[in-house]
Amino acid sequence: MGDQAIALPFGKGIHKGAEAYYRALMETGEIIPVDQVIETFKTVFDKETMNSELKLTMKEGETVGGLREQGIELMKLFHKEIRPQKIAAVEFPFTVSVPDIFNGGGDLPVHLIGFLDMVERDQQNTYLVSELKTSGQRFSSIRLEYDLQATVYSYAMSRMRLATTENSCLIRYDVLVKTKRPAFEHYFVTRSESDHKRLIHLINMVLKAIENRIFYRNSDWPCGDCQFKKACFSS
């Protein structure tokens, strides 16, 4: 039987609840009732946590019931405060190429693939990527400055020619903070062309390491919820 951090079904439930809200607003222009958002969260969370094939791992003091109630409160806060501009896309898939910097030009044989939580646009058709997060604490300025996810999104939007400016895209993190008194924080970050170049270099270096079977521990805050932590730290 494998392990799964309970943060995964929790996050999935929160995202599906938000997705239901976004899609209804995009397709009908109407805000669905908060009970519908909560019900979506509960359905996903309950289904995922009742999966008997996986053993749930939790931090000290966490319980399934307690997290379920916390998720409901976060969904209420999300519904109360989120007010996006015109929604252009929800769960928007992207596939973009990455330059090969080591083998004489051209692109790498793999692509950068992902999904954007939501893409908004204003009356001037300027695009912005919104990313919903749950976190145990507020985001620090250091995390916002170096967070790779924002760099990836900015790079992808630039490659698709949907960027806020010619070479970058504005990213907004909507963060539901899981403190005793829940909070909803919003952070705006931008990335420059030099950030994109560093991302391209990093992707090339990681692929080169994989090709040479060089794998090393990358210990950081995600280790607390990682289902591979025991195996990684015992080797």
Protein backbone atom coordinates (compact mmCIF):
# COMPACT_ATOMS: atom_id res chain seq x y z
CA MET A 1 0.00 0.00 0.00
CA GLY A 2 1.41 3.39 -0.99
CA ASP A 3 1.30 6.64 0.97
CA GLN A 4 -0.33 9.92 0.05
CA ALA A 5 -0.03 13.21 1.89
CA ILE A 6 -3.48 14.47 2.83
CA ALA A 7 -2.45 17.87 1.44
CA LEU A 8 -2.99 16.45 -2.06
CA PRO A 9 -6.72 15.59 -1.77
CA PHE A 10 -7.21 18.79 0.25
CA GLY A 11 -5.65 20.92 -2.48
CA LYS A 12 -7.51 19.04 -5.20
CA GLY A 13 -10.84 19.66 -3.44
CA ILE A 14 -10.10 23.37 -3.06
CA HIS A 15 -9.12 23.68 -6.73
CA LYS A 16 -12.20 21.81 -7.96
CA GLY A 17 -14.45 24.03 -5.85
CA ALA A 18 -12.80 27.12 -7.30
CA GLU A 19 -12.97 25.66 -10.82
CA ALA A 20 -16.75 25.18 -10.47
CA TYR A 21 -17.05 28.85 -9.49
CA TYR A 22 -14.82 30.07 -12.33
CA ARG A 23 -16.47 27.96 -15.04
CA ALA A 24 -19.99 29.02 -14.09
CA LEU A 25 -18.95 32.69 -14.07
CA MET A 26 -17.16 32.36 -17.42
CA GLU A 27 -20.00 30.48 -19.15
CA THR A 28 -23.09 32.17 -17.65
CA GLY A 29 -21.87 35.38 -16.06
CA GLU A 30 -23.53 34.24 -12.83
CA ILE A 31 -21.99 33.59 -9.42
CA ILE A 32 -23.02 30.14 -8.18
CA PRO A 33 -24.18 29.78 -4.55
CA VAL A 34 -21.52 29.19 -1.91
CA ASP A 35 -23.19 25.87 -1.02
CA GLN A 36 -22.43 24.58 -4.52
CA VAL A 37 -18.74 25.47 -4.16
CA ILE A 38 -18.61 23.78 -0.75
CA GLU A 39 -20.38 20.68 -2.03
CA THR A 40 -17.85 20.35 -4.85
CA PHE A 41 -14.99 20.53 -2.35
CA LYS A 42 -16.59 17.96 -0.04
CA THR A 43 -17.34 15.52 -2.86
CA VAL A 44 -13.77 15.57 -4.15
CA PHE A 45 -12.14 15.55 -0.71
CA ASP A 46 -14.31 12.68 0.57
CA LYS A 47 -13.74 10.57 -2.54
CA GLU A 48 -9.97 11.08 -2.44
CA THR A 49 -9.56 10.45 1.30
CA MET A 50 -11.69 7.30 1.21
CA ASN A 51 -9.41 5.67 -1.37
CA SER A 52 -8.43 2.45 0.43
CA GLU A 53 -5.42 1.86 -1.84
CA LEU A 54 -3.45 4.72 -0.30
CA LYS A 55 -2.46 5.37 3.30
CA LEU A 56 -2.97 9.02 4.19
CA THR A 57 -0.08 10.78 5.89
CA MET A 58 -0.77 13.82 8.06
CA LYS A 59 1.19 16.37 10.02
CA GLU A 60 1.03 16.31 13.81
CA GLY A 61 -2.37 17.49 15.01
CA GLU A 62 -4.11 17.04 11.64
CA THR A 63 -7.22 14.92 11.22
CA VAL A 64 -9.35 14.15 8.17
CA GLY A 65 -12.40 15.71 9.82
CA GLY A 66 -10.51 18.80 10.92
CA LEU A 67 -9.12 19.40 7.44
CA ARG A 68 -12.55 18.86 5.93
CA GLU A 69 -14.00 21.59 8.14
CA GLN A 70 -11.05 23.84 7.40
CA GLY A 71 -11.62 23.35 3.67
CA ILE A 72 -15.27 24.33 4.04
CA GLU A 73 -14.26 27.55 5.81
CA LEU A 74 -11.70 28.34 3.11
CA MET A 75 -14.30 27.79 0.39
CA LYS A 76 -16.63 30.22 2.17
CA LEU A 77 -13.85 32.81 2.30
CA PHE A 78 -12.95 32.22 -1.35
CA HIS A 79 -16.58 32.68 -2.45
CA LYS A 80 -16.96 35.83 -0.36
CA GLU A 81 -13.85 37.62 -1.59
CA ILE A 82 -12.84 36.39 -5.07
CA ARG A 83 -13.98 38.74 -7.83
CA PRO A 84 -12.02 38.11 -11.04
CA GLN A 85 -12.04 40.33 -14.10
CA LYS A 86 -13.39 38.86 -17.32
CA ILE A 87 -12.41 35.18 -17.37
CA ALA A 88 -10.75 34.16 -20.61
CA ALA A 89 -9.97 30.52 -19.70
CA VAL A 90 -10.15 28.02 -16.84
CA GLU A 91 -7.69 25.13 -16.45
CA PHE A 92 -6.08 26.26 -19.69
CA PRO A 93 -3.59 23.68 -21.07
CA PHE A 94 -0.32 24.80 -22.60
CA THR A 95 2.51 23.12 -24.47
CA VAL A 96 5.53 25.23 -25.38
CA SER A 97 8.98 24.47 -26.73
CA VAL A 98 12.22 25.11 -24.88
CA PRO A 99 15.45 26.10 -26.69
CA ASP A 100 18.33 23.60 -26.63
CA ILE A 101 21.32 25.62 -25.40
CA PHE A 102 23.91 22.82 -25.47
CA ASN A 103 23.55 21.22 -28.90
CA GLY A 104 23.87 23.97 -31.44
CA GLY A 105 20.45 25.57 -31.42
CA GLY A 106 16.98 24.31 -32.12
CA ASP A 107 14.59 23.10 -29.43
CA LEU A 108 14.78 20.34 -26.87
CA PRO A 109 13.05 17.05 -27.79
CA VAL A 110 10.68 17.53 -24.83
CA HIS A 111 8.13 20.28 -24.27
CA LEU A 112 7.07 22.29 -21.25
CA ILE A 113 3.50 21.17 -20.51
CA GLY A 114 1.07 22.39 -17.87
CA PHE A 115 -2.23 24.01 -16.98
CA LEU A 116 -3.10 27.55 -15.94
CA ASP A 117 -5.69 27.75 -13.14
CA MET A 118 -7.34 30.78 -14.70
CA VAL A 119 -6.55 33.43 -17.29
CA GLU A 120 -8.22 36.83 -16.88
CA ARG A 121 -8.31 39.81 -19.19
CA ASP A 122 -9.31 43.44 -18.76
CA GLN A 123 -11.16 45.80 -21.10
CA GLN A 124 -7.94 46.40 -23.06
CA ASN A 125 -7.58 42.62 -23.60
CA THR A 126 -4.52 42.52 -21.36
CA TYR A 127 -4.03 39.04 -19.93
CA LEU A 128 -3.18 38.00 -16.38
CA VAL A 129 -2.65 34.50 -14.98
CA SER A 130 -4.30 33.75 -11.64
CA GLU A 131 -2.99 30.84 -9.55
CA LEU A 132 -4.95 29.63 -6.51
CA LYS A 133 -2.88 28.29 -3.61
CA THR A 134 -3.44 27.00 -0.10
CA SER A 135 -0.67 27.62 2.40
CA GLY A 136 0.03 27.28 6.10
CA GLN A 137 1.57 30.77 6.09
CA ARG A 138 1.73 33.98 4.11
CA PHE A 139 4.13 34.08 1.17
CA SER A 140 7.47 35.75 1.81
CA SER A 141 9.02 38.27 -0.57
CA ILE A 142 11.85 35.78 -1.25
CA ARG A 143 9.43 33.06 -2.30
CA LEU A 144 7.57 35.44 -4.59
CA GLU A 145 10.81 36.66 -6.17
CA TYR A 146 12.15 33.20 -7.00
CA ASP A 147 9.09 30.95 -7.29
CA LEU A 148 9.56 28.90 -10.45
CA GLN A 149 5.85 28.43 -11.13
CA ALA A 150 5.39 32.12 -11.89
CA THR A 151 8.42 32.03 -14.17
CA VAL A 152 7.05 29.01 -16.05
CA TYR A 153 3.65 30.66 -16.50
CA SER A 154 5.19 33.93 -17.68
CA TYR A 155 7.44 32.09 -20.13
CA ALA A 156 4.55 29.99 -21.47
CA MET A 157 2.29 33.01 -21.96
CA SER A 158 5.10 34.85 -23.73
CA ARG A 159 5.71 31.89 -26.08
CA MET A 160 1.98 31.80 -26.84
CA ARG A 161 2.03 35.58 -27.43
CA LEU A 162 -0.55 36.16 -24.71
CA ALA A 163 1.75 38.04 -22.35
CA THR A 164 0.79 41.20 -20.46
CA THR A 165 3.73 42.96 -22.09
CA GLU A 166 5.87 41.87 -25.02
CA ASN A 167 8.20 39.72 -22.92
CA SER A 168 6.41 38.98 -19.66
CA CYS A 169 3.07 38.18 -18.08
CA LEU A 170 1.58 39.40 -14.83
CA ILE A 171 0.92 36.58 -12.37
CA ARG A 172 -1.39 36.86 -9.36
CA TYR A 173 -1.20 34.34 -6.55
CA ASP A 174 -4.53 34.01 -4.72
CA VAL A 175 -3.49 32.35 -1.45
CA LEU A 176 -5.93 30.84 1.03
CA VAL A 177 -3.93 30.87 4.25
CA LYS A 178 -4.75 27.99 6.61
CA THR A 179 -4.20 29.90 9.84
CA LYS A 180 -6.47 29.73 12.90
CA ARG A 181 -8.32 32.68 11.46
CA PRO A 182 -8.28 31.96 7.68
CA ALA A 183 -7.09 34.73 5.38
CA PHE A 184 -7.18 35.32 1.62
CA GLU A 185 -4.03 37.02 0.38
CA HIS A 186 -3.28 38.28 -3.15
CA TYR A 187 0.23 38.76 -4.50
CA PHE A 188 1.22 40.17 -7.91
CA VAL A 189 4.53 39.17 -9.47
CA THR A 190 6.17 39.73 -12.82
CA ARG A 191 9.02 38.01 -14.58
CA SER A 192 11.50 39.46 -17.06
CA GLU A 193 13.17 38.04 -20.14
CA SER A 194 16.28 37.36 -18.03
CA ASP A 195 14.12 35.23 -15.70
CA HIS A 196 12.97 33.25 -18.74
CA LYS A 197 16.59 32.72 -19.80
CA ARG A 198 17.46 31.36 -16.35
CA LEU A 199 14.47 29.00 -16.55
CA ILE A 200 15.63 27.73 -19.97
CA HIS A 201 19.12 27.16 -18.59
CA LEU A 202 17.73 25.29 -15.56
CA ILE A 203 15.55 23.01 -17.71
CA ASN A 204 18.54 22.20 -19.92
CA MET A 205 20.74 21.46 -16.91
CA VAL A 206 18.14 19.21 -15.25
CA LEU A 207 17.66 17.22 -18.46
CA LYS A 208 21.43 16.86 -18.80
CA ALA A 209 21.64 15.56 -15.22
CA ILE A 210 18.84 13.05 -15.87
CA GLU A 211 20.58 11.82 -19.03
CA ASN A 212 23.72 11.25 -16.94
CA ARG A 213 21.69 9.58 -14.15
CA ILE A 214 22.61 12.26 -11.65
CA PHE A 215 19.87 12.47 -9.03
CA TYR A 216 20.30 14.38 -5.78
CA ARG A 217 18.08 15.32 -2.86
CA ASN A 218 16.45 18.72 -3.23
CA SER A 219 15.42 19.25 0.40
CA ASP A 220 12.97 22.10 0.98
CA TRP A 221 9.54 22.86 2.47
CA PRO A 222 7.67 20.31 0.24
CA CYS A 223 9.55 17.49 2.02
CA GLY A 224 7.11 17.68 4.93
CA ASP A 225 4.24 16.30 2.83
CA CYS A 226 6.22 14.18 0.36
CA GLN A 227 5.19 10.53 0.17
CA PHE A 228 8.71 9.61 -0.94
CA LYS A 229 10.43 11.26 2.04
CA LYS A 230 11.08 8.03 3.95
CA ALA A 231 12.66 6.29 0.96
CA CYS A 232 14.61 9.38 -0.07
CA PHE A 233 16.11 10.05 3.35
CA SER A 234 16.91 6.41 4.08
CA SER A 235 19.08 5.89 1.00
